[in-house]
Amino acid sequence: MEGRTVPDVVFRTRVRDESVGGDNPFRWEDLASRDLFAGRRVVVFSLPGAFTPTCSNEQCPAFERLYDEMREAGADEVVCISVNDAFVMYQWGKHLGIEKVRLIPDGSGHFTRRLGMLIDKDHLGFGYRSWRYMMVVNDGVIERWWQEPGINDEGSDDDPYVETLPENAIAYLRGAGA
């Protein structure tokens, strides 16, 4: 994966816009992946789904908690990409109190699929989801890649979370990990 350009896709996002008015002042905004990563160094982590146990209790809160350390180590931004829609990602972020990590919906899984990380969790009633991975993207190119061992999508409930810890990204960014 390292040295590969990230997939060129469009994420369908929702952004707050007070000019919309009403109880739901949000509008649709397309975000091209090339724009998200252009000219910047971004830590990206992906997870199976919003509101799921490990993602909600451990992974996303850990990245939020260590966000400032990642910025100090050289990341311009920290992004979470999940195969969920914009509405779910917004409510999940609100529920977790996420204020620093940028939550990006990959609703149809196009970005995830093109990275080879889309797995079938139909046996759990989830449908297609992302395998847990993390990367440092530098100006649209994958500089460093981590993924959890045992990628699976055929009836296994395994959901490891050891390689994609935010501490591993911080160590790499500081030059201590490769």
Protein backbone atom coordinates (compact mmCIF):
# COMPACT_ATOMS: atom_id res chain seq x y z
CA MET A 1 0.00 0.00 0.00
CA GLU A 2 2.81 2.41 0.81
CA GLY A 3 3.63 4.62 -2.14
CA ARG A 4 0.16 4.16 -3.62
CA THR A 5 -2.11 7.14 -4.31
CA VAL A 6 -5.32 7.09 -2.29
CA PRO A 7 -8.48 6.29 -4.27
CA ASP A 8 -10.08 9.22 -6.09
CA VAL A 9 -13.68 9.24 -4.85
CA VAL A 10 -16.30 11.73 -3.72
CA PHE A 11 -17.56 11.56 -0.15
CA ARG A 12 -21.15 12.78 0.39
CA THR A 13 -20.96 14.89 3.55
CA ARG A 14 -23.33 17.14 5.48
CA VAL A 15 -22.14 20.53 6.72
CA ARG A 16 -23.79 22.96 9.09
CA ASP A 17 -25.17 26.00 7.27
CA GLU A 18 -27.25 28.46 9.30
CA SER A 19 -28.67 29.94 6.08
CA VAL A 20 -30.64 26.71 5.65
CA GLY A 21 -32.66 27.48 8.79
CA GLY A 22 -35.06 25.20 10.61
CA ASP A 23 -34.34 22.33 12.98
CA ASN A 24 -31.80 20.72 10.64
CA PRO A 25 -29.51 23.50 9.32
CA PHE A 26 -27.30 21.24 7.22
CA ARG A 27 -26.69 20.96 3.50
CA TRP A 28 -25.08 18.32 1.33
CA GLU A 29 -21.50 18.96 0.30
CA ASP A 30 -19.39 16.74 -1.92
CA LEU A 31 -15.81 16.26 -0.73
CA ALA A 32 -13.33 14.84 -3.24
CA SER A 33 -10.68 12.65 -1.66
CA ARG A 34 -8.03 14.43 -3.74
CA ASP A 35 -9.04 17.72 -2.04
CA LEU A 36 -9.11 16.15 1.41
CA PHE A 37 -5.51 14.96 1.10
CA ALA A 38 -3.92 17.53 -1.26
CA GLY A 39 -0.84 19.25 0.14
CA ARG A 40 -1.31 17.88 3.63
CA ARG A 41 -0.18 15.06 5.90
CA VAL A 42 -3.23 13.29 7.26
CA VAL A 43 -3.61 10.42 9.73
CA VAL A 44 -6.55 8.28 8.60
CA PHE A 45 -8.11 5.49 10.59
CA SER A 46 -11.01 3.33 9.56
CA LEU A 47 -13.26 1.09 11.54
CA PRO A 48 -16.17 -1.32 11.06
CA GLY A 49 -18.91 1.05 12.13
CA ALA A 50 -20.32 3.87 14.15
CA PHE A 51 -21.96 2.88 17.43
CA THR A 52 -20.20 -0.51 17.48
CA PRO A 53 -18.45 -1.49 20.75
CA THR A 54 -14.70 -1.31 20.02
CA CYS A 55 -15.10 1.64 17.66
CA SER A 56 -17.17 3.65 20.15
CA ASN A 57 -15.61 2.61 23.45
CA GLU A 58 -11.95 2.50 22.44
CA GLN A 59 -10.77 3.45 18.96
CA CYS A 60 -12.49 6.74 18.08
CA PRO A 61 -12.23 8.16 21.63
CA ALA A 62 -8.50 7.29 21.71
CA PHE A 63 -7.84 9.19 18.48
CA GLU A 64 -9.81 12.17 19.82
CA ARG A 65 -7.87 12.06 23.10
CA LEU A 66 -4.48 11.87 21.31
CA TYR A 67 -5.36 14.27 18.49
CA ASP A 68 -3.13 17.08 19.76
CA GLU A 69 -0.15 14.71 20.06
CA MET A 70 -0.62 13.64 16.44
CA ARG A 71 -0.75 17.27 15.36
CA GLU A 72 2.40 18.06 17.35
CA ALA A 73 4.13 15.06 15.73
CA GLY A 74 3.42 16.36 12.23
CA ALA A 75 -0.14 15.53 11.18
CA ASP A 76 -2.17 18.35 9.65
CA GLU A 77 -5.43 16.54 10.36
CA VAL A 78 -6.81 13.29 11.77
CA VAL A 79 -9.67 11.68 9.86
CA CYS A 80 -11.93 8.73 10.60
CA ILE A 81 -13.50 7.04 7.57
CA SER A 82 -16.31 4.55 8.08
CA VAL A 83 -18.77 2.79 5.80
CA ASN A 84 -21.70 4.67 7.29
CA ASP A 85 -23.84 7.50 5.93
CA ALA A 86 -23.40 11.17 6.82
CA PHE A 87 -26.37 11.19 9.21
CA VAL A 88 -25.02 8.27 11.24
CA MET A 89 -21.51 9.73 11.35
CA TYR A 90 -22.86 13.07 12.58
CA GLN A 91 -24.97 11.51 15.36
CA TRP A 92 -22.12 9.20 16.38
CA GLY A 93 -19.70 12.12 16.65
CA LYS A 94 -22.25 14.07 18.67
CA HIS A 95 -22.86 11.06 20.93
CA LEU A 96 -19.11 10.58 21.56
CA GLY A 97 -18.37 14.29 21.91
CA ILE A 98 -15.91 14.24 19.00
CA GLU A 99 -14.69 17.76 18.32
CA LYS A 100 -11.23 17.36 16.77
CA VAL A 101 -11.21 14.21 14.64
CA ARG A 102 -12.96 14.73 11.31
CA LEU A 103 -15.56 12.04 10.66
CA ILE A 104 -15.93 11.19 6.96
CA PRO A 105 -18.79 9.00 5.70
CA ASP A 106 -17.96 6.43 3.03
CA GLY A 107 -21.63 5.52 2.75
CA SER A 108 -21.38 3.27 -0.28
CA GLY A 109 -17.91 2.00 0.59
CA HIS A 110 -16.28 3.16 -2.64
CA PHE A 111 -13.09 4.48 -0.97
CA THR A 112 -12.86 1.44 1.29
CA ARG A 113 -13.46 -1.01 -1.56
CA ARG A 114 -10.80 0.59 -3.74
CA LEU A 115 -8.31 0.21 -0.89
CA GLY A 116 -9.20 -3.50 -0.70
CA MET A 117 -10.56 -3.12 2.84
CA LEU A 118 -14.29 -3.67 2.23
CA ILE A 119 -15.43 -6.84 3.98
CA ASP A 120 -18.77 -8.63 4.21
CA LYS A 121 -20.21 -8.71 7.73
CA ASP A 122 -23.64 -9.86 6.58
CA HIS A 123 -23.52 -12.75 9.07
CA LEU A 124 -23.75 -10.07 11.80
CA GLY A 125 -26.45 -8.11 9.98
CA PHE A 126 -24.02 -5.29 9.14
CA GLY A 127 -23.67 -5.78 5.39
CA TYR A 128 -20.46 -4.42 3.90
CA ARG A 129 -18.09 -2.65 6.30
CA SER A 130 -14.48 -1.64 6.55
CA TRP A 131 -11.73 -3.78 7.99
CA ARG A 132 -9.82 -1.83 10.62
CA TYR A 133 -6.83 0.00 9.08
CA MET A 134 -4.81 3.17 9.58
CA MET A 135 -2.55 5.17 7.29
CA VAL A 136 -0.52 8.34 7.06
CA VAL A 137 -1.29 10.08 3.77
CA ASN A 138 1.13 12.71 2.52
CA ASP A 139 -0.20 14.87 -0.32
CA GLY A 140 -2.48 12.08 -1.53
CA VAL A 141 0.11 9.30 -1.31
CA ILE A 142 0.07 6.57 1.34
CA GLU A 143 3.26 7.11 3.32
CA ARG A 144 2.66 4.49 6.02
CA TRP A 145 0.05 1.70 6.31
CA TRP A 146 -1.21 -0.47 9.17
CA GLN A 147 -4.04 -2.99 9.18
CA GLU A 148 -5.29 -5.45 11.71
CA PRO A 149 -4.29 -9.08 11.26
CA GLY A 150 -6.66 -11.77 10.03
CA ILE A 151 -8.79 -9.78 7.60
CA ASN A 152 -12.00 -11.74 7.43
CA ASP A 153 -15.52 -11.57 6.16
CA GLU A 154 -16.83 -15.09 6.16
CA GLY A 155 -18.56 -15.81 9.41
CA SER A 156 -15.85 -14.73 11.84
CA ASP A 157 -16.56 -12.36 14.70
CA ASP A 158 -12.86 -11.54 15.17
CA ASP A 159 -12.33 -7.79 15.51
CA PRO A 160 -8.70 -7.15 16.51
CA TYR A 161 -7.53 -3.70 17.57
CA VAL A 162 -3.76 -3.82 18.10
CA GLU A 163 -2.02 -2.46 14.97
CA THR A 164 -4.22 0.58 14.40
CA LEU A 165 -3.74 2.22 17.79
CA PRO A 166 -3.17 5.98 17.62
CA GLU A 167 0.05 5.52 19.59
CA ASN A 168 1.50 3.66 16.58
CA ALA A 169 0.80 6.64 14.32
CA ILE A 170 2.35 9.02 16.87
CA ALA A 171 5.48 6.87 17.16
CA TYR A 172 5.80 6.75 13.37
CA LEU A 173 5.27 10.49 13.00
CA ARG A 174 7.91 11.15 15.64
CA GLY A 175 10.35 8.94 13.76
CA ALA A 176 10.41 6.17 16.37
CA GLY A 177 8.38 3.67 14.33
CA ALA A 178 8.64 2.54 10.77
